Amino acid sequence: MDPPTRLTSQALLTSLYAAFNRRDIPTLLAAMTPDVSWPNGWEGGVLCGRDQVSAYWRRQWEQLEPIVTPTAFRTEADGRVAVTVHQVIYDKTGAKLADHTVTHVYRLDDGLVTAMEIRE
């Protein structure tokens, strides 16, 4: 991937993490293909499509307050974008439940997220 494309991907994903942290579901879903494949990192399994992703986030945010901050971006050999993220997860009382770093790997197509996976 050439540098301008990488910057575009990085800018897109950075804006999506900001939208996630604002709980801005419409902005997030608009950046995904209708049949997006998304990991259910909280309950397990894989979600398919915007409706499932939206319902998952709504359930999650009723119970948890995750803050996810990208710290590094890398383009993989197959064109996917690997994003190192710092995740801090609180319960609704403000107690910290988790504080760790993981990698989110995105497949993008024409500026839309088609799939994401989590690497511990």
Protein backbone atom coordinates (compact mmCIF):
# COMPACT_ATOMS: atom_id res chain seq x y z
CA MET A 1 0.00 0.00 0.00
CA ASP A 2 1.44 3.37 -0.91
CA PRO A 3 1.84 6.08 1.77
CA PRO A 4 -1.17 8.25 0.73
CA THR A 5 -3.50 5.23 1.01
CA ARG A 6 -1.99 4.29 4.37
CA LEU A 7 -2.56 7.82 5.66
CA THR A 8 -6.15 7.70 4.49
CA SER A 9 -6.70 4.36 6.24
CA GLN A 10 -5.02 5.64 9.39
CA ALA A 11 -7.12 8.82 9.35
CA LEU A 12 -10.31 6.83 8.80
CA LEU A 13 -9.59 4.37 11.60
CA THR A 14 -8.48 7.12 14.00
CA SER A 15 -11.79 8.90 13.40
CA LEU A 16 -13.68 5.65 14.01
CA TYR A 17 -11.99 5.09 17.37
CA ALA A 18 -12.99 8.64 18.34
CA ALA A 19 -16.58 7.87 17.26
CA PHE A 20 -16.52 4.64 19.30
CA ASN A 21 -15.35 6.51 22.38
CA ARG A 22 -18.20 9.03 21.84
CA ARG A 23 -20.66 6.10 21.42
CA ASP A 24 -21.56 7.46 17.97
CA ILE A 25 -23.13 4.36 16.41
CA PRO A 26 -24.46 6.07 13.24
CA THR A 27 -20.97 7.30 12.28
CA LEU A 28 -19.47 3.88 12.99
CA LEU A 29 -22.06 1.93 11.00
CA ALA A 30 -21.79 4.32 8.04
CA ALA A 31 -18.10 3.36 7.77
CA MET A 32 -18.90 -0.38 7.47
CA THR A 33 -20.13 -2.51 4.61
CA PRO A 34 -23.67 -3.84 5.13
CA ASP A 35 -22.29 -7.38 5.61
CA VAL A 36 -19.35 -6.40 7.86
CA SER A 37 -17.76 -9.25 9.84
CA TRP A 38 -17.04 -8.10 13.41
CA PRO A 39 -15.69 -9.95 16.45
CA ASN A 40 -17.79 -10.11 19.58
CA GLY A 41 -14.88 -9.48 21.92
CA TRP A 42 -17.16 -9.28 24.96
CA GLU A 43 -19.48 -12.29 24.61
CA GLY A 44 -17.58 -14.38 22.04
CA GLY A 45 -18.24 -15.28 18.43
CA VAL A 46 -18.45 -13.22 15.27
CA LEU A 47 -21.18 -10.79 14.25
CA CYS A 48 -22.35 -10.33 10.68
CA GLY A 49 -23.85 -7.10 9.45
CA ARG A 50 -24.46 -3.62 10.75
CA ASP A 51 -27.60 -4.54 12.72
CA GLN A 52 -25.77 -7.20 14.77
CA VAL A 53 -22.83 -4.87 15.42
CA SER A 54 -25.16 -2.06 16.52
CA ALA A 55 -27.10 -4.35 18.89
CA TYR A 56 -23.83 -5.71 20.32
CA TRP A 57 -22.46 -2.26 21.09
CA ARG A 58 -25.73 -1.17 22.68
CA ARG A 59 -25.68 -4.24 24.98
CA GLN A 60 -22.01 -3.70 25.79
CA TRP A 61 -22.42 -0.01 26.58
CA GLU A 62 -25.34 -0.73 28.93
CA GLN A 63 -22.86 -2.68 31.09
CA LEU A 64 -19.39 -1.32 30.33
CA GLU A 65 -17.52 1.90 29.54
CA PRO A 66 -14.66 0.95 27.19
CA ILE A 67 -12.18 3.58 25.99
CA VAL A 68 -10.05 2.43 23.07
CA THR A 69 -7.10 4.51 21.86
CA PRO A 70 -5.01 3.65 18.78
CA THR A 71 -1.27 3.85 19.41
CA ALA A 72 0.27 2.40 16.21
CA PHE A 73 -0.73 1.49 12.65
CA ARG A 74 0.87 -1.06 10.32
CA THR A 75 -0.11 -2.28 6.87
CA GLU A 76 0.17 -6.06 6.58
CA ALA A 77 1.38 -7.96 3.51
CA ASP A 78 -2.22 -8.81 2.52
CA GLY A 79 -3.26 -5.15 2.68
CA ARG A 80 -5.10 -5.31 5.99
CA VAL A 81 -4.37 -2.59 8.53
CA ALA A 82 -3.22 -3.68 11.99
CA VAL A 83 -3.91 -1.14 14.72
CA THR A 84 -2.30 -1.46 18.14
CA VAL A 85 -4.80 -0.14 20.68
CA HIS A 86 -4.76 0.61 24.38
CA GLN A 87 -8.07 -0.50 25.92
CA VAL A 88 -9.29 0.58 29.32
CA ILE A 89 -12.63 -0.87 30.37
CA TYR A 90 -14.67 0.40 33.30
CA ASP A 91 -17.92 -0.81 34.80
CA LYS A 92 -20.81 1.63 35.21
CA THR A 93 -19.64 2.57 38.73
CA GLY A 94 -16.27 3.70 37.33
CA ALA A 95 -14.28 0.71 38.59
CA LYS A 96 -11.49 -0.32 36.19
CA LEU A 97 -12.05 -3.86 34.91
CA ALA A 98 -9.26 -4.09 32.33
CA ASP A 99 -6.29 -2.11 31.08
CA HIS A 100 -4.38 -3.76 28.25
CA THR A 101 -3.03 -3.52 24.72
CA VAL A 102 -4.34 -5.59 21.83
CA THR A 103 -4.21 -5.44 18.04
CA HIS A 104 -7.26 -4.85 15.86
CA VAL A 105 -6.83 -5.94 12.25
CA TYR A 106 -9.08 -4.35 9.62
CA ARG A 107 -9.90 -5.26 6.06
CA LEU A 108 -11.01 -2.17 4.13
CA ASP A 109 -12.68 -1.97 0.73
CA ASP A 110 -13.23 1.41 -0.95
CA GLY A 111 -12.90 3.19 2.38
CA LEU A 112 -15.34 0.95 4.25
CA VAL A 113 -14.58 -1.63 6.92
CA THR A 114 -15.46 -5.11 5.64
CA ALA A 115 -13.98 -7.10 8.54
CA MET A 116 -12.17 -6.75 11.83
CA GLU A 117 -10.41 -9.26 14.04
CA ILE A 118 -8.83 -9.00 17.46
CA ARG A 119 -5.35 -10.32 18.20
CA GLU A 120 -4.41 -10.55 21.86
